[in-house]
Amino acid sequence: MAVVIRMMRAGARKRPFYRIVVADSRRQRDGRFVEILGYYDPLAKPFAVKMDEEKVKGWIGQGAQPSTQAASLFRRVGIIAARPSRPTKKAAATMAAVKRARPRKVTERKTRAKALRAKKRAKVAATAKA
């Protein structure tokens, strides 16, 4: 069972309110959950977030994967570390060079398909000239 930490929508129409829950990844967004960890109220000024940090850290320690929105809230509160910054242009260039250095694995099926496409292109070009 893959466990995720995600937001479960509650509240009236056009008045969203979210519970931060631990749930099986196969369940629907507002379906059955394992445990409520806290809540998030986006309409409060400033928005309100309240959660049990120990429970969150415990679930993440057990392997629960937070959704992107839940992870964003955890970063704001300081439960999980900020994402690493993007690599600089120089680092990206060296990474690209390393990637290009490795030869691509080409299967026999891909080789045959490429040859067939080349044949078709040659045929079309020959009929266009005539």
Protein backbone atom coordinates (compact mmCIF):
# COMPACT_ATOMS: atom_id res chain seq x y z
CA MET A 1 0.00 0.00 0.00
CA ALA A 2 1.52 3.34 -1.11
CA VAL A 3 0.77 5.99 1.48
CA VAL A 4 0.57 9.68 0.60
CA ILE A 5 0.10 12.85 2.60
CA ARG A 6 -2.36 15.03 0.74
CA MET A 7 -5.07 17.65 1.04
CA MET A 8 -8.68 16.56 1.47
CA ARG A 9 -11.19 19.23 0.49
CA ALA A 10 -13.89 20.20 2.93
CA GLY A 11 -16.02 23.30 3.34
CA ALA A 12 -18.93 24.71 1.38
CA ARG A 13 -19.07 25.54 -2.29
CA LYS A 14 -16.65 28.35 -3.14
CA ARG A 15 -15.42 28.29 0.48
CA PRO A 16 -12.55 25.77 0.38
CA PHE A 17 -11.04 24.34 3.51
CA TYR A 18 -8.54 21.51 3.43
CA ARG A 19 -7.59 18.79 5.87
CA ILE A 20 -4.05 17.44 5.62
CA VAL A 21 -4.48 13.67 5.74
CA VAL A 22 -2.55 10.45 5.32
CA ALA A 23 -4.30 8.19 2.81
CA ASP A 24 -3.77 5.25 0.51
CA SER A 25 -2.72 6.61 -2.89
CA ARG A 26 -5.41 4.54 -4.63
CA ARG A 27 -8.24 6.21 -2.72
CA GLN A 28 -10.12 9.19 -4.08
CA ARG A 29 -9.21 12.69 -2.94
CA ASP A 30 -12.02 13.03 -0.41
CA GLY A 31 -12.30 9.32 0.33
CA ARG A 32 -11.20 7.19 3.23
CA PHE A 33 -8.02 8.22 5.02
CA VAL A 34 -5.73 6.81 7.68
CA GLU A 35 -5.15 9.85 9.87
CA ILE A 36 -5.77 13.62 9.97
CA LEU A 37 -2.53 15.54 10.47
CA GLY A 38 -3.86 19.09 10.41
CA TYR A 39 -5.69 21.65 8.29
CA TYR A 40 -5.13 24.47 5.79
CA ASP A 41 -7.51 27.41 5.39
CA PRO A 42 -6.63 29.39 2.24
CA LEU A 43 -9.36 32.00 2.79
CA ALA A 44 -8.05 33.26 6.12
CA LYS A 45 -5.91 36.40 5.83
CA PRO A 46 -3.08 35.41 6.18
CA PHE A 47 -3.83 31.80 5.34
CA ALA A 48 -4.01 29.44 8.30
CA VAL A 49 -2.03 26.21 8.54
CA LYS A 50 -2.07 24.03 11.62
CA MET A 51 -0.57 20.56 11.79
CA ASP A 52 0.99 18.12 14.18
CA GLU A 53 4.65 18.29 13.12
CA GLU A 54 5.64 15.15 15.00
CA LYS A 55 3.00 13.07 13.21
CA VAL A 56 4.03 14.52 9.83
CA LYS A 57 7.71 13.75 10.44
CA GLY A 58 6.78 10.28 11.67
CA TRP A 59 4.78 9.49 8.52
CA ILE A 60 7.48 10.88 6.23
CA GLY A 61 10.01 8.79 8.16
CA GLN A 62 7.90 5.71 7.46
CA GLY A 63 7.95 6.46 3.72
CA ALA A 64 4.75 8.46 3.12
CA GLN A 65 5.13 10.72 0.07
CA PRO A 66 3.66 14.23 0.38
CA SER A 67 1.74 15.63 -2.59
CA THR A 68 3.16 18.74 -4.24
CA GLN A 69 0.78 21.09 -2.41
CA ALA A 70 1.31 19.38 0.95
CA ALA A 71 5.09 19.47 0.45
CA SER A 72 4.84 23.17 -0.33
CA LEU A 73 3.01 23.77 2.96
CA PHE A 74 5.55 21.65 4.84
CA ARG A 75 8.39 23.73 3.37
CA ARG A 76 6.67 26.96 4.44
CA VAL A 77 6.24 25.66 7.99
CA GLY A 78 9.78 24.26 7.98
CA ILE A 79 9.02 20.57 8.41
CA ILE A 80 10.93 19.53 5.30
CA ALA A 81 13.93 21.29 3.77
CA ALA A 82 13.56 23.62 0.84
CA ARG A 83 14.05 22.15 -2.59
CA PRO A 84 17.56 22.48 -3.97
CA SER A 85 17.96 25.41 -6.32
CA ARG A 86 18.25 24.88 -10.04
CA PRO A 87 21.72 24.14 -11.32
CA THR A 88 23.66 27.01 -12.84
CA LYS A 89 24.15 27.23 -16.59
CA LYS A 90 27.70 25.93 -16.28
CA ALA A 91 26.59 22.91 -14.22
CA ALA A 92 23.71 22.27 -16.61
CA ALA A 93 26.11 22.34 -19.58
CA THR A 94 28.44 19.82 -17.98
CA MET A 95 25.50 17.58 -17.07
CA ALA A 96 24.27 17.76 -20.68
CA ALA A 97 27.74 16.86 -21.96
CA VAL A 98 27.84 13.86 -19.66
CA LYS A 99 24.43 12.74 -20.83
CA ARG A 100 25.46 13.01 -24.50
CA ALA A 101 28.64 11.06 -23.91
CA ARG A 102 26.72 7.89 -23.09
CA PRO A 103 25.63 6.02 -26.22
CA ARG A 104 21.94 5.42 -26.60
CA LYS A 105 20.67 1.88 -26.48
CA VAL A 106 19.06 1.18 -29.85
CA THR A 107 16.96 -1.93 -30.18
CA GLU A 108 16.62 -3.96 -33.33
CA ARG A 109 12.97 -2.94 -33.64
CA LYS A 110 13.90 0.74 -33.59
CA THR A 111 16.62 0.18 -36.20
CA ARG A 112 14.17 -1.56 -38.53
CA ALA A 113 11.56 1.17 -38.04
CA LYS A 114 14.13 3.87 -38.84
CA ALA A 115 15.17 2.05 -42.03
CA LEU A 116 11.53 1.67 -43.07
CA ARG A 117 10.91 5.41 -42.55
CA ALA A 118 13.98 6.24 -44.65
CA LYS A 119 12.70 3.98 -47.44
CA LYS A 120 9.31 5.68 -47.38
CA ARG A 121 10.92 9.14 -47.48
CA ALA A 122 13.06 8.12 -50.44
CA LYS A 123 10.01 6.74 -52.23
CA VAL A 124 8.02 9.95 -51.65
CA ALA A 125 10.96 12.07 -52.82
CA ALA A 126 11.31 9.95 -55.99
CA THR A 127 7.61 10.29 -56.84
CA ALA A 128 7.73 14.06 -56.19
CA LYS A 129 10.60 14.47 -58.70
CA ALA A 130 8.82 12.45 -61.39
